[in-house]
Amino acid sequence: MADRIEAAEEQIAHLIRLTEDLSGIVAKQADRIDLLERRVAMLLNRVAEPDEGGVFLADQRPPHW
């Protein structure tokens, strides 16, 4: 009986550690996603604004054309 309790305690400790590790990973991913979403929004705003010549960047032909 004591062996079963000890095995269960070991499994619980392992699961707690795993949960904490995964929580840290998810938190880092959420921070990274937030950063990337801000960067995409910034880039979309930049494309939507006209440049110095009054031409929208989205309407310009690429330089290789």
N, C-alpha and C. Protein backbone atom coordinates (compact mmCIF):
# COMPACT_ATOMS: atom_id res chain seq x y z
N MET A 1 0.83 -1.19 0.00
CA MET A 1 0.00 0.00 0.00
C MET A 1 0.87 1.26 0.00
N ALA A 2 1.92 1.26 0.81
CA ALA A 2 2.81 2.42 0.90
C ALA A 2 3.51 2.66 -0.43
N ASP A 3 3.82 1.56 -1.14
CA ASP A 3 4.47 1.70 -2.45
C ASP A 3 3.55 2.37 -3.45
N ARG A 4 2.28 2.03 -3.39
CA ARG A 4 1.31 2.64 -4.31
C ARG A 4 1.15 4.13 -4.01
N ILE A 5 1.13 4.49 -2.74
CA ILE A 5 1.01 5.90 -2.36
C ILE A 5 2.25 6.66 -2.81
N GLU A 6 3.41 6.04 -2.59
CA GLU A 6 4.66 6.69 -3.01
C GLU A 6 4.71 6.86 -4.53
N ALA A 7 4.27 5.86 -5.27
CA ALA A 7 4.25 5.95 -6.73
C ALA A 7 3.28 7.05 -7.18
N ALA A 8 2.12 7.14 -6.52
CA ALA A 8 1.15 8.17 -6.86
C ALA A 8 1.71 9.56 -6.56
N GLU A 9 2.40 9.69 -5.44
CA GLU A 9 3.02 10.98 -5.08
C GLU A 9 4.08 11.37 -6.10
N GLU A 10 4.86 10.41 -6.57
CA GLU A 10 5.87 10.69 -7.59
C GLU A 10 5.21 11.14 -8.89
N GLN A 11 4.13 10.47 -9.27
CA GLN A 11 3.42 10.86 -10.49
C GLN A 11 2.83 12.26 -10.36
N ILE A 12 2.28 12.56 -9.20
CA ILE A 12 1.71 13.89 -8.97
C ILE A 12 2.80 14.94 -9.05
N ALA A 13 3.94 14.68 -8.42
CA ALA A 13 5.05 15.63 -8.47
C ALA A 13 5.51 15.85 -9.91
N HIS A 14 5.58 14.77 -10.67
CA HIS A 14 5.98 14.87 -12.08
C HIS A 14 4.96 15.71 -12.86
N LEU A 15 3.69 15.46 -12.64
CA LEU A 15 2.64 16.19 -13.35
C LEU A 15 2.63 17.67 -12.96
N ILE A 16 2.89 17.96 -11.70
CA ILE A 16 2.97 19.37 -11.26
C ILE A 16 4.12 20.06 -11.97
N ARG A 17 5.26 19.42 -12.02
CA ARG A 17 6.44 20.00 -12.70
C ARG A 17 6.15 20.21 -14.18
N LEU A 18 5.54 19.22 -14.80
CA LEU A 18 5.21 19.31 -16.22
C LEU A 18 4.23 20.45 -16.47
N THR A 19 3.23 20.58 -15.61
CA THR A 19 2.25 21.65 -15.74
C THR A 19 2.91 23.02 -15.60
N GLU A 20 3.81 23.16 -14.66
CA GLU A 20 4.52 24.43 -14.48
C GLU A 20 5.40 24.75 -15.68
N ASP A 21 6.08 23.74 -16.21
CA ASP A 21 6.92 23.95 -17.40
C ASP A 21 6.06 24.38 -18.59
N LEU A 22 4.95 23.69 -18.80
CA LEU A 22 4.07 24.03 -19.93
C LEU A 22 3.45 25.40 -19.74
N SER A 23 3.14 25.76 -18.51
CA SER A 23 2.58 27.08 -18.25
C SER A 23 3.59 28.17 -18.64
N GLY A 24 4.85 27.95 -18.32
CA GLY A 24 5.89 28.90 -18.71
C GLY A 24 6.03 29.01 -20.22
N ILE A 25 5.95 27.88 -20.88
CA ILE A 25 6.06 27.88 -22.34
C ILE A 25 4.89 28.63 -22.96
N VAL A 26 3.69 28.38 -22.46
CA VAL A 26 2.50 29.06 -22.99
C VAL A 26 2.60 30.56 -22.74
N ALA A 27 3.09 30.96 -21.58
CA ALA A 27 3.22 32.39 -21.28
C ALA A 27 4.21 33.05 -22.24
N LYS A 28 5.34 32.39 -22.51
CA LYS A 28 6.31 32.94 -23.46
C LYS A 28 5.72 33.03 -24.87
N GLN A 29 4.96 32.02 -25.26
CA GLN A 29 4.33 32.05 -26.58
C GLN A 29 3.31 33.18 -26.67
N ALA A 30 2.56 33.40 -25.60
CA ALA A 30 1.57 34.49 -25.60
C ALA A 30 2.27 35.83 -25.74
N ASP A 31 3.40 36.01 -25.04
CA ASP A 31 4.16 37.26 -25.17
C ASP A 31 4.67 37.43 -26.59
N ARG A 32 5.16 36.36 -27.18
CA ARG A 32 5.69 36.43 -28.55
C ARG A 32 4.56 36.75 -29.55
N ILE A 33 3.40 36.13 -29.36
CA ILE A 33 2.26 36.39 -30.24
C ILE A 33 1.84 37.85 -30.13
N ASP A 34 1.80 38.38 -28.91
CA ASP A 34 1.45 39.80 -28.72
C ASP A 34 2.43 40.70 -29.47
N LEU A 35 3.72 40.40 -29.35
CA LEU A 35 4.74 41.19 -30.05
C LEU A 35 4.54 41.12 -31.56
N LEU A 36 4.32 39.92 -32.06
CA LEU A 36 4.15 39.75 -33.51
C LEU A 36 2.88 40.43 -34.00
N GLU A 37 1.81 40.39 -33.22
CA GLU A 37 0.58 41.08 -33.61
C GLU A 37 0.79 42.59 -33.67
N ARG A 38 1.55 43.13 -32.73
CA ARG A 38 1.84 44.58 -32.76
C ARG A 38 2.67 44.93 -33.98
N ARG A 39 3.64 44.08 -34.31
CA ARG A 39 4.49 44.35 -35.48
C ARG A 39 3.67 44.28 -36.78
N VAL A 40 2.78 43.31 -36.89
CA VAL A 40 1.94 43.20 -38.09
C VAL A 40 1.05 44.43 -38.21
N ALA A 41 0.47 44.87 -37.09
CA ALA A 41 -0.39 46.06 -37.12
C ALA A 41 0.42 47.28 -37.56
N MET A 42 1.65 47.39 -37.05
CA MET A 42 2.51 48.52 -37.43
C MET A 42 2.81 48.47 -38.94
N LEU A 43 3.12 47.30 -39.45
CA LEU A 43 3.41 47.16 -40.88
C LEU A 43 2.18 47.46 -41.72
N LEU A 44 1.02 47.01 -41.28
CA LEU A 44 -0.21 47.30 -42.03
C LEU A 44 -0.49 48.80 -42.04
N ASN A 45 -0.25 49.46 -40.92
CA ASN A 45 -0.44 50.91 -40.87
C ASN A 45 0.55 51.62 -41.79
N ARG A 46 1.77 51.13 -41.83
CA ARG A 46 2.79 51.76 -42.68
C ARG A 46 2.42 51.62 -44.15
N VAL A 47 1.90 50.47 -44.54
CA VAL A 47 1.52 50.25 -45.93
C VAL A 47 0.31 51.11 -46.29
N ALA A 48 -0.56 51.36 -45.32
CA ALA A 48 -1.78 52.13 -45.59
C ALA A 48 -1.53 53.63 -45.66
N GLU A 49 -0.36 54.10 -45.21
CA GLU A 49 -0.05 55.54 -45.22
C GLU A 49 0.67 55.91 -46.51
N PRO A 50 0.41 57.09 -47.05
CA PRO A 50 1.14 57.51 -48.25
C PRO A 50 2.59 57.84 -47.89
N ASP A 51 3.50 57.63 -48.85
CA ASP A 51 4.90 57.99 -48.61
C ASP A 51 5.10 59.48 -48.89
N GLU A 52 6.34 59.93 -48.96
CA GLU A 52 6.65 61.36 -49.13
C GLU A 52 6.05 61.92 -50.42
N GLY A 53 5.94 61.11 -51.45
CA GLY A 53 5.41 61.58 -52.73
C GLY A 53 3.89 61.52 -52.80
N GLY A 54 3.24 61.14 -51.72
CA GLY A 54 1.79 61.08 -51.71
C GLY A 54 1.22 59.80 -52.29
N VAL A 55 2.10 58.82 -52.57
CA VAL A 55 1.65 57.55 -53.14
C VAL A 55 1.58 56.52 -52.02
N PHE A 56 0.49 55.78 -51.96
CA PHE A 56 0.38 54.72 -50.97
C PHE A 56 1.36 53.61 -51.32
N LEU A 57 2.06 53.12 -50.31
CA LEU A 57 3.06 52.08 -50.55
C LEU A 57 2.42 50.83 -51.18
N ALA A 58 1.19 50.54 -50.80
CA ALA A 58 0.52 49.36 -51.35
C ALA A 58 0.24 49.53 -52.84
N ASP A 59 0.19 50.77 -53.34
CA ASP A 59 -0.10 51.01 -54.75
C ASP A 59 1.16 51.09 -55.63
N GLN A 60 2.31 51.05 -55.02
CA GLN A 60 3.55 51.16 -55.79
C GLN A 60 3.92 49.82 -56.39
N ARG A 61 4.55 49.90 -57.56
CA ARG A 61 5.08 48.69 -58.17
C ARG A 61 6.39 48.32 -57.47
N PRO A 62 6.68 47.05 -57.37
CA PRO A 62 7.96 46.65 -56.79
C PRO A 62 9.11 47.18 -57.65
N PRO A 63 10.28 47.39 -57.08
CA PRO A 63 11.40 47.99 -57.82
C PRO A 63 11.88 47.15 -59.01
N HIS A 64 11.61 45.86 -59.03
CA HIS A 64 12.10 45.02 -60.14
C HIS A 64 11.17 45.07 -61.34
N TRP A 65 10.08 45.85 -61.33
CA TRP A 65 9.17 45.95 -62.47
C TRP A 65 9.58 47.07 -63.37
